[in-house]
Amino acid sequence: ITKRDNTYYVDSVKGRFTISRDNA
């Protein structure tokens, strides 16, 4: 996940995993 919340997932976890961040 980039600092602007652009995300990438490996195919095997798409739809099951969610990456997120709290910059503060």
PDBML (XML) file of the C-alpha atoms, coordinates in Angstrom:
<?xml version="1.0" encoding="UTF-8" ?>
<PDBx:datablock datablockName="MODEL"
   xmlns:PDBx="http://pdbml.pdb.org/schema/pdbx-v50.xsd"
   xmlns:xsi="http://www.w3.org/2001/XMLSchema-instance"
   xsi:schemaLocation="http://pdbml.pdb.org/schema/pdbx-v50.xsd pdbx-v50.xsd">
   <PDBx:atom_siteCategory>
      <PDBx:atom_site id="1">
         <PDBx:B_iso_or_equiv>0.00</PDBx:B_iso_or_equiv>
         <PDBx:Cartn_x>0.000</PDBx:Cartn_x>
         <PDBx:Cartn_y>0.000</PDBx:Cartn_y>
         <PDBx:Cartn_z>0.000</PDBx:Cartn_z>
         <PDBx:auth_asym_id>A</PDBx:auth_asym_id>
         <PDBx:auth_atom_id>CA</PDBx:auth_atom_id>
         <PDBx:auth_comp_id>ILE</PDBx:auth_comp_id>
         <PDBx:auth_seq_id>1</PDBx:auth_seq_id>
         <PDBx:group_PDB>ATOM</PDBx:group_PDB>
         <PDBx:label_alt_id xsi:nil="true" />
         <PDBx:label_asym_id>A</PDBx:label_asym_id>
         <PDBx:label_atom_id>CA</PDBx:label_atom_id>
         <PDBx:label_comp_id>ILE</PDBx:label_comp_id>
         <PDBx:label_entity_id>1</PDBx:label_entity_id>
         <PDBx:label_seq_id>1</PDBx:label_seq_id>
         <PDBx:occupancy>1.00</PDBx:occupancy>
         <PDBx:pdbx_PDB_model_num>1</PDBx:pdbx_PDB_model_num>
         <PDBx:type_symbol>C</PDBx:type_symbol>
      </PDBx:atom_site>
      <PDBx:atom_site id="2">
         <PDBx:B_iso_or_equiv>0.00</PDBx:B_iso_or_equiv>
         <PDBx:Cartn_x>1.363</PDBx:Cartn_x>
         <PDBx:Cartn_y>3.398</PDBx:Cartn_y>
         <PDBx:Cartn_z>-0.966</PDBx:Cartn_z>
         <PDBx:auth_asym_id>A</PDBx:auth_asym_id>
         <PDBx:auth_atom_id>CA</PDBx:auth_atom_id>
         <PDBx:auth_comp_id>THR</PDBx:auth_comp_id>
         <PDBx:auth_seq_id>2</PDBx:auth_seq_id>
         <PDBx:group_PDB>ATOM</PDBx:group_PDB>
         <PDBx:label_alt_id xsi:nil="true" />
         <PDBx:label_asym_id>A</PDBx:label_asym_id>
         <PDBx:label_atom_id>CA</PDBx:label_atom_id>
         <PDBx:label_comp_id>THR</PDBx:label_comp_id>
         <PDBx:label_entity_id>1</PDBx:label_entity_id>
         <PDBx:label_seq_id>2</PDBx:label_seq_id>
         <PDBx:occupancy>1.00</PDBx:occupancy>
         <PDBx:pdbx_PDB_model_num>1</PDBx:pdbx_PDB_model_num>
         <PDBx:type_symbol>C</PDBx:type_symbol>
      </PDBx:atom_site>
      <PDBx:atom_site id="3">
         <PDBx:B_iso_or_equiv>0.00</PDBx:B_iso_or_equiv>
         <PDBx:Cartn_x>1.098</PDBx:Cartn_x>
         <PDBx:Cartn_y>6.520</PDBx:Cartn_y>
         <PDBx:Cartn_z>1.162</PDBx:Cartn_z>
         <PDBx:auth_asym_id>A</PDBx:auth_asym_id>
         <PDBx:auth_atom_id>CA</PDBx:auth_atom_id>
         <PDBx:auth_comp_id>LYS</PDBx:auth_comp_id>
         <PDBx:auth_seq_id>3</PDBx:auth_seq_id>
         <PDBx:group_PDB>ATOM</PDBx:group_PDB>
         <PDBx:label_alt_id xsi:nil="true" />
         <PDBx:label_asym_id>A</PDBx:label_asym_id>
         <PDBx:label_atom_id>CA</PDBx:label_atom_id>
         <PDBx:label_comp_id>LYS</PDBx:label_comp_id>
         <PDBx:label_entity_id>1</PDBx:label_entity_id>
         <PDBx:label_seq_id>3</PDBx:label_seq_id>
         <PDBx:occupancy>1.00</PDBx:occupancy>
         <PDBx:pdbx_PDB_model_num>1</PDBx:pdbx_PDB_model_num>
         <PDBx:type_symbol>C</PDBx:type_symbol>
      </PDBx:atom_site>
      <PDBx:atom_site id="4">
         <PDBx:B_iso_or_equiv>0.00</PDBx:B_iso_or_equiv>
         <PDBx:Cartn_x>-1.840</PDBx:Cartn_x>
         <PDBx:Cartn_y>7.519</PDBx:Cartn_y>
         <PDBx:Cartn_z>-1.038</PDBx:Cartn_z>
         <PDBx:auth_asym_id>A</PDBx:auth_asym_id>
         <PDBx:auth_atom_id>CA</PDBx:auth_atom_id>
         <PDBx:auth_comp_id>ARG</PDBx:auth_comp_id>
         <PDBx:auth_seq_id>4</PDBx:auth_seq_id>
         <PDBx:group_PDB>ATOM</PDBx:group_PDB>
         <PDBx:label_alt_id xsi:nil="true" />
         <PDBx:label_asym_id>A</PDBx:label_asym_id>
         <PDBx:label_atom_id>CA</PDBx:label_atom_id>
         <PDBx:label_comp_id>ARG</PDBx:label_comp_id>
         <PDBx:label_entity_id>1</PDBx:label_entity_id>
         <PDBx:label_seq_id>4</PDBx:label_seq_id>
         <PDBx:occupancy>1.00</PDBx:occupancy>
         <PDBx:pdbx_PDB_model_num>1</PDBx:pdbx_PDB_model_num>
         <PDBx:type_symbol>C</PDBx:type_symbol>
      </PDBx:atom_site>
      <PDBx:atom_site id="5">
         <PDBx:B_iso_or_equiv>0.00</PDBx:B_iso_or_equiv>
         <PDBx:Cartn_x>-3.615</PDBx:Cartn_x>
         <PDBx:Cartn_y>4.180</PDBx:Cartn_y>
         <PDBx:Cartn_z>-0.444</PDBx:Cartn_z>
         <PDBx:auth_asym_id>A</PDBx:auth_asym_id>
         <PDBx:auth_atom_id>CA</PDBx:auth_atom_id>
         <PDBx:auth_comp_id>ASP</PDBx:auth_comp_id>
         <PDBx:auth_seq_id>5</PDBx:auth_seq_id>
         <PDBx:group_PDB>ATOM</PDBx:group_PDB>
         <PDBx:label_alt_id xsi:nil="true" />
         <PDBx:label_asym_id>A</PDBx:label_asym_id>
         <PDBx:label_atom_id>CA</PDBx:label_atom_id>
         <PDBx:label_comp_id>ASP</PDBx:label_comp_id>
         <PDBx:label_entity_id>1</PDBx:label_entity_id>
         <PDBx:label_seq_id>5</PDBx:label_seq_id>
         <PDBx:occupancy>1.00</PDBx:occupancy>
         <PDBx:pdbx_PDB_model_num>1</PDBx:pdbx_PDB_model_num>
         <PDBx:type_symbol>C</PDBx:type_symbol>
      </PDBx:atom_site>
      <PDBx:atom_site id="6">
         <PDBx:B_iso_or_equiv>0.00</PDBx:B_iso_or_equiv>
         <PDBx:Cartn_x>-2.911</PDBx:Cartn_x>
         <PDBx:Cartn_y>2.586</PDBx:Cartn_y>
         <PDBx:Cartn_z>-3.806</PDBx:Cartn_z>
         <PDBx:auth_asym_id>A</PDBx:auth_asym_id>
         <PDBx:auth_atom_id>CA</PDBx:auth_atom_id>
         <PDBx:auth_comp_id>ASN</PDBx:auth_comp_id>
         <PDBx:auth_seq_id>6</PDBx:auth_seq_id>
         <PDBx:group_PDB>ATOM</PDBx:group_PDB>
         <PDBx:label_alt_id xsi:nil="true" />
         <PDBx:label_asym_id>A</PDBx:label_asym_id>
         <PDBx:label_atom_id>CA</PDBx:label_atom_id>
         <PDBx:label_comp_id>ASN</PDBx:label_comp_id>
         <PDBx:label_entity_id>1</PDBx:label_entity_id>
         <PDBx:label_seq_id>6</PDBx:label_seq_id>
         <PDBx:occupancy>1.00</PDBx:occupancy>
         <PDBx:pdbx_PDB_model_num>1</PDBx:pdbx_PDB_model_num>
         <PDBx:type_symbol>C</PDBx:type_symbol>
      </PDBx:atom_site>
      <PDBx:atom_site id="7">
         <PDBx:B_iso_or_equiv>0.00</PDBx:B_iso_or_equiv>
         <PDBx:Cartn_x>-2.928</PDBx:Cartn_x>
         <PDBx:Cartn_y>-1.172</PDBx:Cartn_y>
         <PDBx:Cartn_z>-3.138</PDBx:Cartn_z>
         <PDBx:auth_asym_id>A</PDBx:auth_asym_id>
         <PDBx:auth_atom_id>CA</PDBx:auth_atom_id>
         <PDBx:auth_comp_id>THR</PDBx:auth_comp_id>
         <PDBx:auth_seq_id>7</PDBx:auth_seq_id>
         <PDBx:group_PDB>ATOM</PDBx:group_PDB>
         <PDBx:label_alt_id xsi:nil="true" />
         <PDBx:label_asym_id>A</PDBx:label_asym_id>
         <PDBx:label_atom_id>CA</PDBx:label_atom_id>
         <PDBx:label_comp_id>THR</PDBx:label_comp_id>
         <PDBx:label_entity_id>1</PDBx:label_entity_id>
         <PDBx:label_seq_id>7</PDBx:label_seq_id>
         <PDBx:occupancy>1.00</PDBx:occupancy>
         <PDBx:pdbx_PDB_model_num>1</PDBx:pdbx_PDB_model_num>
         <PDBx:type_symbol>C</PDBx:type_symbol>
      </PDBx:atom_site>
      <PDBx:atom_site id="8">
         <PDBx:B_iso_or_equiv>0.00</PDBx:B_iso_or_equiv>
         <PDBx:Cartn_x>-1.569</PDBx:Cartn_x>
         <PDBx:Cartn_y>-4.348</PDBx:Cartn_y>
         <PDBx:Cartn_z>-4.683</PDBx:Cartn_z>
         <PDBx:auth_asym_id>A</PDBx:auth_asym_id>
         <PDBx:auth_atom_id>CA</PDBx:auth_atom_id>
         <PDBx:auth_comp_id>TYR</PDBx:auth_comp_id>
         <PDBx:auth_seq_id>8</PDBx:auth_seq_id>
         <PDBx:group_PDB>ATOM</PDBx:group_PDB>
         <PDBx:label_alt_id xsi:nil="true" />
         <PDBx:label_asym_id>A</PDBx:label_asym_id>
         <PDBx:label_atom_id>CA</PDBx:label_atom_id>
         <PDBx:label_comp_id>TYR</PDBx:label_comp_id>
         <PDBx:label_entity_id>1</PDBx:label_entity_id>
         <PDBx:label_seq_id>8</PDBx:label_seq_id>
         <PDBx:occupancy>1.00</PDBx:occupancy>
         <PDBx:pdbx_PDB_model_num>1</PDBx:pdbx_PDB_model_num>
         <PDBx:type_symbol>C</PDBx:type_symbol>
      </PDBx:atom_site>
      <PDBx:atom_site id="9">
         <PDBx:B_iso_or_equiv>0.00</PDBx:B_iso_or_equiv>
         <PDBx:Cartn_x>-2.358</PDBx:Cartn_x>
         <PDBx:Cartn_y>-7.968</PDBx:Cartn_y>
         <PDBx:Cartn_z>-3.819</PDBx:Cartn_z>
         <PDBx:auth_asym_id>A</PDBx:auth_asym_id>
         <PDBx:auth_atom_id>CA</PDBx:auth_atom_id>
         <PDBx:auth_comp_id>TYR</PDBx:auth_comp_id>
         <PDBx:auth_seq_id>9</PDBx:auth_seq_id>
         <PDBx:group_PDB>ATOM</PDBx:group_PDB>
         <PDBx:label_alt_id xsi:nil="true" />
         <PDBx:label_asym_id>A</PDBx:label_asym_id>
         <PDBx:label_atom_id>CA</PDBx:label_atom_id>
         <PDBx:label_comp_id>TYR</PDBx:label_comp_id>
         <PDBx:label_entity_id>1</PDBx:label_entity_id>
         <PDBx:label_seq_id>9</PDBx:label_seq_id>
         <PDBx:occupancy>1.00</PDBx:occupancy>
         <PDBx:pdbx_PDB_model_num>1</PDBx:pdbx_PDB_model_num>
         <PDBx:type_symbol>C</PDBx:type_symbol>
      </PDBx:atom_site>
      <PDBx:atom_site id="10">
         <PDBx:B_iso_or_equiv>0.00</PDBx:B_iso_or_equiv>
         <PDBx:Cartn_x>-0.861</PDBx:Cartn_x>
         <PDBx:Cartn_y>-11.236</PDBx:Cartn_y>
         <PDBx:Cartn_z>-4.926</PDBx:Cartn_z>
         <PDBx:auth_asym_id>A</PDBx:auth_asym_id>
         <PDBx:auth_atom_id>CA</PDBx:auth_atom_id>
         <PDBx:auth_comp_id>VAL</PDBx:auth_comp_id>
         <PDBx:auth_seq_id>10</PDBx:auth_seq_id>
         <PDBx:group_PDB>ATOM</PDBx:group_PDB>
         <PDBx:label_alt_id xsi:nil="true" />
         <PDBx:label_asym_id>A</PDBx:label_asym_id>
         <PDBx:label_atom_id>CA</PDBx:label_atom_id>
         <PDBx:label_comp_id>VAL</PDBx:label_comp_id>
         <PDBx:label_entity_id>1</PDBx:label_entity_id>
         <PDBx:label_seq_id>10</PDBx:label_seq_id>
         <PDBx:occupancy>1.00</PDBx:occupancy>
         <PDBx:pdbx_PDB_model_num>1</PDBx:pdbx_PDB_model_num>
         <PDBx:type_symbol>C</PDBx:type_symbol>
      </PDBx:atom_site>
      <PDBx:atom_site id="11">
         <PDBx:B_iso_or_equiv>0.00</PDBx:B_iso_or_equiv>
         <PDBx:Cartn_x>-3.486</PDBx:Cartn_x>
         <PDBx:Cartn_y>-13.243</PDBx:Cartn_y>
         <PDBx:Cartn_z>-6.826</PDBx:Cartn_z>
         <PDBx:auth_asym_id>A</PDBx:auth_asym_id>
         <PDBx:auth_atom_id>CA</PDBx:auth_atom_id>
         <PDBx:auth_comp_id>ASP</PDBx:auth_comp_id>
         <PDBx:auth_seq_id>11</PDBx:auth_seq_id>
         <PDBx:group_PDB>ATOM</PDBx:group_PDB>
         <PDBx:label_alt_id xsi:nil="true" />
         <PDBx:label_asym_id>A</PDBx:label_asym_id>
         <PDBx:label_atom_id>CA</PDBx:label_atom_id>
         <PDBx:label_comp_id>ASP</PDBx:label_comp_id>
         <PDBx:label_entity_id>1</PDBx:label_entity_id>
         <PDBx:label_seq_id>11</PDBx:label_seq_id>
         <PDBx:occupancy>1.00</PDBx:occupancy>
         <PDBx:pdbx_PDB_model_num>1</PDBx:pdbx_PDB_model_num>
         <PDBx:type_symbol>C</PDBx:type_symbol>
      </PDBx:atom_site>
      <PDBx:atom_site id="12">
         <PDBx:B_iso_or_equiv>0.00</PDBx:B_iso_or_equiv>
         <PDBx:Cartn_x>-3.785</PDBx:Cartn_x>
         <PDBx:Cartn_y>-15.916</PDBx:Cartn_y>
         <PDBx:Cartn_z>-4.153</PDBx:Cartn_z>
         <PDBx:auth_asym_id>A</PDBx:auth_asym_id>
         <PDBx:auth_atom_id>CA</PDBx:auth_atom_id>
         <PDBx:auth_comp_id>SER</PDBx:auth_comp_id>
         <PDBx:auth_seq_id>12</PDBx:auth_seq_id>
         <PDBx:group_PDB>ATOM</PDBx:group_PDB>
         <PDBx:label_alt_id xsi:nil="true" />
         <PDBx:label_asym_id>A</PDBx:label_asym_id>
         <PDBx:label_atom_id>CA</PDBx:label_atom_id>
         <PDBx:label_comp_id>SER</PDBx:label_comp_id>
         <PDBx:label_entity_id>1</PDBx:label_entity_id>
         <PDBx:label_seq_id>12</PDBx:label_seq_id>
         <PDBx:occupancy>1.00</PDBx:occupancy>
         <PDBx:pdbx_PDB_model_num>1</PDBx:pdbx_PDB_model_num>
         <PDBx:type_symbol>C</PDBx:type_symbol>
      </PDBx:atom_site>
      <PDBx:atom_site id="13">
         <PDBx:B_iso_or_equiv>0.00</PDBx:B_iso_or_equiv>
         <PDBx:Cartn_x>-5.155</PDBx:Cartn_x>
         <PDBx:Cartn_y>-13.477</PDBx:Cartn_y>
         <PDBx:Cartn_z>-1.557</PDBx:Cartn_z>
         <PDBx:auth_asym_id>A</PDBx:auth_asym_id>
         <PDBx:auth_atom_id>CA</PDBx:auth_atom_id>
         <PDBx:auth_comp_id>VAL</PDBx:auth_comp_id>
         <PDBx:auth_seq_id>13</PDBx:auth_seq_id>
         <PDBx:group_PDB>ATOM</PDBx:group_PDB>
         <PDBx:label_alt_id xsi:nil="true" />
         <PDBx:label_asym_id>A</PDBx:label_asym_id>
         <PDBx:label_atom_id>CA</PDBx:label_atom_id>
         <PDBx:label_comp_id>VAL</PDBx:label_comp_id>
         <PDBx:label_entity_id>1</PDBx:label_entity_id>
         <PDBx:label_seq_id>13</PDBx:label_seq_id>
         <PDBx:occupancy>1.00</PDBx:occupancy>
         <PDBx:pdbx_PDB_model_num>1</PDBx:pdbx_PDB_model_num>
         <PDBx:type_symbol>C</PDBx:type_symbol>
      </PDBx:atom_site>
      <PDBx:atom_site id="14">
         <PDBx:B_iso_or_equiv>0.00</PDBx:B_iso_or_equiv>
         <PDBx:Cartn_x>-7.296</PDBx:Cartn_x>
         <PDBx:Cartn_y>-11.184</PDBx:Cartn_y>
         <PDBx:Cartn_z>-3.713</PDBx:Cartn_z>
         <PDBx:auth_asym_id>A</PDBx:auth_asym_id>
         <PDBx:auth_atom_id>CA</PDBx:auth_atom_id>
         <PDBx:auth_comp_id>LYS</PDBx:auth_comp_id>
         <PDBx:auth_seq_id>14</PDBx:auth_seq_id>
         <PDBx:group_PDB>ATOM</PDBx:group_PDB>
         <PDBx:label_alt_id xsi:nil="true" />
         <PDBx:label_asym_id>A</PDBx:label_asym_id>
         <PDBx:label_atom_id>CA</PDBx:label_atom_id>
         <PDBx:label_comp_id>LYS</PDBx:label_comp_id>
         <PDBx:label_entity_id>1</PDBx:label_entity_id>
         <PDBx:label_seq_id>14</PDBx:label_seq_id>
         <PDBx:occupancy>1.00</PDBx:occupancy>
         <PDBx:pdbx_PDB_model_num>1</PDBx:pdbx_PDB_model_num>
         <PDBx:type_symbol>C</PDBx:type_symbol>
      </PDBx:atom_site>
      <PDBx:atom_site id="15">
         <PDBx:B_iso_or_equiv>0.00</PDBx:B_iso_or_equiv>
         <PDBx:Cartn_x>-10.806</PDBx:Cartn_x>
         <PDBx:Cartn_y>-10.886</PDBx:Cartn_y>
         <PDBx:Cartn_z>-2.345</PDBx:Cartn_z>
         <PDBx:auth_asym_id>A</PDBx:auth_asym_id>
         <PDBx:auth_atom_id>CA</PDBx:auth_atom_id>
         <PDBx:auth_comp_id>GLY</PDBx:auth_comp_id>
         <PDBx:auth_seq_id>15</PDBx:auth_seq_id>
         <PDBx:group_PDB>ATOM</PDBx:group_PDB>
         <PDBx:label_alt_id xsi:nil="true" />
         <PDBx:label_asym_id>A</PDBx:label_asym_id>
         <PDBx:label_atom_id>CA</PDBx:label_atom_id>
         <PDBx:label_comp_id>GLY</PDBx:label_comp_id>
         <PDBx:label_entity_id>1</PDBx:label_entity_id>
         <PDBx:label_seq_id>15</PDBx:label_seq_id>
         <PDBx:occupancy>1.00</PDBx:occupancy>
         <PDBx:pdbx_PDB_model_num>1</PDBx:pdbx_PDB_model_num>
         <PDBx:type_symbol>C</PDBx:type_symbol>
      </PDBx:atom_site>
      <PDBx:atom_site id="16">
         <PDBx:B_iso_or_equiv>0.00</PDBx:B_iso_or_equiv>
         <PDBx:Cartn_x>-9.783</PDBx:Cartn_x>
         <PDBx:Cartn_y>-12.331</PDBx:Cartn_y>
         <PDBx:Cartn_z>1.019</PDBx:Cartn_z>
         <PDBx:auth_asym_id>A</PDBx:auth_asym_id>
         <PDBx:auth_atom_id>CA</PDBx:auth_atom_id>
         <PDBx:auth_comp_id>ARG</PDBx:auth_comp_id>
         <PDBx:auth_seq_id>16</PDBx:auth_seq_id>
         <PDBx:group_PDB>ATOM</PDBx:group_PDB>
         <PDBx:label_alt_id xsi:nil="true" />
         <PDBx:label_asym_id>A</PDBx:label_asym_id>
         <PDBx:label_atom_id>CA</PDBx:label_atom_id>
         <PDBx:label_comp_id>ARG</PDBx:label_comp_id>
         <PDBx:label_entity_id>1</PDBx:label_entity_id>
         <PDBx:label_seq_id>16</PDBx:label_seq_id>
         <PDBx:occupancy>1.00</PDBx:occupancy>
         <PDBx:pdbx_PDB_model_num>1</PDBx:pdbx_PDB_model_num>
         <PDBx:type_symbol>C</PDBx:type_symbol>
      </PDBx:atom_site>
      <PDBx:atom_site id="17">
         <PDBx:B_iso_or_equiv>0.00</PDBx:B_iso_or_equiv>
         <PDBx:Cartn_x>-7.129</PDBx:Cartn_x>
         <PDBx:Cartn_y>-9.955</PDBx:Cartn_y>
         <PDBx:Cartn_z>2.399</PDBx:Cartn_z>
         <PDBx:auth_asym_id>A</PDBx:auth_asym_id>
         <PDBx:auth_atom_id>CA</PDBx:auth_atom_id>
         <PDBx:auth_comp_id>PHE</PDBx:auth_comp_id>
         <PDBx:auth_seq_id>17</PDBx:auth_seq_id>
         <PDBx:group_PDB>ATOM</PDBx:group_PDB>
         <PDBx:label_alt_id xsi:nil="true" />
         <PDBx:label_asym_id>A</PDBx:label_asym_id>
         <PDBx:label_atom_id>CA</PDBx:label_atom_id>
         <PDBx:label_comp_id>PHE</PDBx:label_comp_id>
         <PDBx:label_entity_id>1</PDBx:label_entity_id>
         <PDBx:label_seq_id>17</PDBx:label_seq_id>
         <PDBx:occupancy>1.00</PDBx:occupancy>
         <PDBx:pdbx_PDB_model_num>1</PDBx:pdbx_PDB_model_num>
         <PDBx:type_symbol>C</PDBx:type_symbol>
      </PDBx:atom_site>
      <PDBx:atom_site id="18">
         <PDBx:B_iso_or_equiv>0.00</PDBx:B_iso_or_equiv>
         <PDBx:Cartn_x>-7.304</PDBx:Cartn_x>
         <PDBx:Cartn_y>-6.194</PDBx:Cartn_y>
         <PDBx:Cartn_z>2.826</PDBx:Cartn_z>
         <PDBx:auth_asym_id>A</PDBx:auth_asym_id>
         <PDBx:auth_atom_id>CA</PDBx:auth_atom_id>
         <PDBx:auth_comp_id>THR</PDBx:auth_comp_id>
         <PDBx:auth_seq_id>18</PDBx:auth_seq_id>
         <PDBx:group_PDB>ATOM</PDBx:group_PDB>
         <PDBx:label_alt_id xsi:nil="true" />
         <PDBx:label_asym_id>A</PDBx:label_asym_id>
         <PDBx:label_atom_id>CA</PDBx:label_atom_id>
         <PDBx:label_comp_id>THR</PDBx:label_comp_id>
         <PDBx:label_entity_id>1</PDBx:label_entity_id>
         <PDBx:label_seq_id>18</PDBx:label_seq_id>
         <PDBx:occupancy>1.00</PDBx:occupancy>
         <PDBx:pdbx_PDB_model_num>1</PDBx:pdbx_PDB_model_num>
         <PDBx:type_symbol>C</PDBx:type_symbol>
      </PDBx:atom_site>
      <PDBx:atom_site id="19">
         <PDBx:B_iso_or_equiv>0.00</PDBx:B_iso_or_equiv>
         <PDBx:Cartn_x>-4.252</PDBx:Cartn_x>
         <PDBx:Cartn_y>-4.029</PDBx:Cartn_y>
         <PDBx:Cartn_z>3.459</PDBx:Cartn_z>
         <PDBx:auth_asym_id>A</PDBx:auth_asym_id>
         <PDBx:auth_atom_id>CA</PDBx:auth_atom_id>
         <PDBx:auth_comp_id>ILE</PDBx:auth_comp_id>
         <PDBx:auth_seq_id>19</PDBx:auth_seq_id>
         <PDBx:group_PDB>ATOM</PDBx:group_PDB>
         <PDBx:label_alt_id xsi:nil="true" />
         <PDBx:label_asym_id>A</PDBx:label_asym_id>
         <PDBx:label_atom_id>CA</PDBx:label_atom_id>
         <PDBx:label_comp_id>ILE</PDBx:label_comp_id>
         <PDBx:label_entity_id>1</PDBx:label_entity_id>
         <PDBx:label_seq_id>19</PDBx:label_seq_id>
         <PDBx:occupancy>1.00</PDBx:occupancy>
         <PDBx:pdbx_PDB_model_num>1</PDBx:pdbx_PDB_model_num>
         <PDBx:type_symbol>C</PDBx:type_symbol>
      </PDBx:atom_site>
      <PDBx:atom_site id="20">
         <PDBx:B_iso_or_equiv>0.00</PDBx:B_iso_or_equiv>
         <PDBx:Cartn_x>-4.646</PDBx:Cartn_x>
         <PDBx:Cartn_y>-0.622</PDBx:Cartn_y>
         <PDBx:Cartn_z>5.079</PDBx:Cartn_z>
         <PDBx:auth_asym_id>A</PDBx:auth_asym_id>
         <PDBx:auth_atom_id>CA</PDBx:auth_atom_id>
         <PDBx:auth_comp_id>SER</PDBx:auth_comp_id>
         <PDBx:auth_seq_id>20</PDBx:auth_seq_id>
         <PDBx:group_PDB>ATOM</PDBx:group_PDB>
         <PDBx:label_alt_id xsi:nil="true" />
         <PDBx:label_asym_id>A</PDBx:label_asym_id>
         <PDBx:label_atom_id>CA</PDBx:label_atom_id>
         <PDBx:label_comp_id>SER</PDBx:label_comp_id>
         <PDBx:label_entity_id>1</PDBx:label_entity_id>
         <PDBx:label_seq_id>20</PDBx:label_seq_id>
         <PDBx:occupancy>1.00</PDBx:occupancy>
         <PDBx:pdbx_PDB_model_num>1</PDBx:pdbx_PDB_model_num>
         <PDBx:type_symbol>C</PDBx:type_symbol>
      </PDBx:atom_site>
      <PDBx:atom_site id="21">
         <PDBx:B_iso_or_equiv>0.00</PDBx:B_iso_or_equiv>
         <PDBx:Cartn_x>-2.640</PDBx:Cartn_x>
         <PDBx:Cartn_y>1.966</PDBx:Cartn_y>
         <PDBx:Cartn_z>6.979</PDBx:Cartn_z>
         <PDBx:auth_asym_id>A</PDBx:auth_asym_id>
         <PDBx:auth_atom_id>CA</PDBx:auth_atom_id>
         <PDBx:auth_comp_id>ARG</PDBx:auth_comp_id>
         <PDBx:auth_seq_id>21</PDBx:auth_seq_id>
         <PDBx:group_PDB>ATOM</PDBx:group_PDB>
         <PDBx:label_alt_id xsi:nil="true" />
         <PDBx:label_asym_id>A</PDBx:label_asym_id>
         <PDBx:label_atom_id>CA</PDBx:label_atom_id>
         <PDBx:label_comp_id>ARG</PDBx:label_comp_id>
         <PDBx:label_entity_id>1</PDBx:label_entity_id>
         <PDBx:label_seq_id>21</PDBx:label_seq_id>
         <PDBx:occupancy>1.00</PDBx:occupancy>
         <PDBx:pdbx_PDB_model_num>1</PDBx:pdbx_PDB_model_num>
         <PDBx:type_symbol>C</PDBx:type_symbol>
      </PDBx:atom_site>
      <PDBx:atom_site id="22">
         <PDBx:B_iso_or_equiv>0.00</PDBx:B_iso_or_equiv>
         <PDBx:Cartn_x>-3.081</PDBx:Cartn_x>
         <PDBx:Cartn_y>4.704</PDBx:Cartn_y>
         <PDBx:Cartn_z>9.540</PDBx:Cartn_z>
         <PDBx:auth_asym_id>A</PDBx:auth_asym_id>
         <PDBx:auth_atom_id>CA</PDBx:auth_atom_id>
         <PDBx:auth_comp_id>ASP</PDBx:auth_comp_id>
         <PDBx:auth_seq_id>22</PDBx:auth_seq_id>
         <PDBx:group_PDB>ATOM</PDBx:group_PDB>
         <PDBx:label_alt_id xsi:nil="true" />
         <PDBx:label_asym_id>A</PDBx:label_asym_id>
         <PDBx:label_atom_id>CA</PDBx:label_atom_id>
         <PDBx:label_comp_id>ASP</PDBx:label_comp_id>
         <PDBx:label_entity_id>1</PDBx:label_entity_id>
         <PDBx:label_seq_id>22</PDBx:label_seq_id>
         <PDBx:occupancy>1.00</PDBx:occupancy>
         <PDBx:pdbx_PDB_model_num>1</PDBx:pdbx_PDB_model_num>
         <PDBx:type_symbol>C</PDBx:type_symbol>
      </PDBx:atom_site>
      <PDBx:atom_site id="23">
         <PDBx:B_iso_or_equiv>0.00</PDBx:B_iso_or_equiv>
         <PDBx:Cartn_x>-0.499</PDBx:Cartn_x>
         <PDBx:Cartn_y>7.341</PDBx:Cartn_y>
         <PDBx:Cartn_z>8.716</PDBx:Cartn_z>
         <PDBx:auth_asym_id>A</PDBx:auth_asym_id>
         <PDBx:auth_atom_id>CA</PDBx:auth_atom_id>
         <PDBx:auth_comp_id>ASN</PDBx:auth_comp_id>
         <PDBx:auth_seq_id>23</PDBx:auth_seq_id>
         <PDBx:group_PDB>ATOM</PDBx:group_PDB>
         <PDBx:label_alt_id xsi:nil="true" />
         <PDBx:label_asym_id>A</PDBx:label_asym_id>
         <PDBx:label_atom_id>CA</PDBx:label_atom_id>
         <PDBx:label_comp_id>ASN</PDBx:label_comp_id>
         <PDBx:label_entity_id>1</PDBx:label_entity_id>
         <PDBx:label_seq_id>23</PDBx:label_seq_id>
         <PDBx:occupancy>1.00</PDBx:occupancy>
         <PDBx:pdbx_PDB_model_num>1</PDBx:pdbx_PDB_model_num>
         <PDBx:type_symbol>C</PDBx:type_symbol>
      </PDBx:atom_site>
      <PDBx:atom_site id="24">
         <PDBx:B_iso_or_equiv>0.00</PDBx:B_iso_or_equiv>
         <PDBx:Cartn_x>-1.155</PDBx:Cartn_x>
         <PDBx:Cartn_y>9.319</PDBx:Cartn_y>
         <PDBx:Cartn_z>11.890</PDBx:Cartn_z>
         <PDBx:auth_asym_id>A</PDBx:auth_asym_id>
         <PDBx:auth_atom_id>CA</PDBx:auth_atom_id>
         <PDBx:auth_comp_id>ALA</PDBx:auth_comp_id>
         <PDBx:auth_seq_id>24</PDBx:auth_seq_id>
         <PDBx:group_PDB>ATOM</PDBx:group_PDB>
         <PDBx:label_alt_id xsi:nil="true" />
         <PDBx:label_asym_id>A</PDBx:label_asym_id>
         <PDBx:label_atom_id>CA</PDBx:label_atom_id>
         <PDBx:label_comp_id>ALA</PDBx:label_comp_id>
         <PDBx:label_entity_id>1</PDBx:label_entity_id>
         <PDBx:label_seq_id>24</PDBx:label_seq_id>
         <PDBx:occupancy>1.00</PDBx:occupancy>
         <PDBx:pdbx_PDB_model_num>1</PDBx:pdbx_PDB_model_num>
         <PDBx:type_symbol>C</PDBx:type_symbol>
      </PDBx:atom_site>
   </PDBx:atom_siteCategory>
</PDBx:datablock>
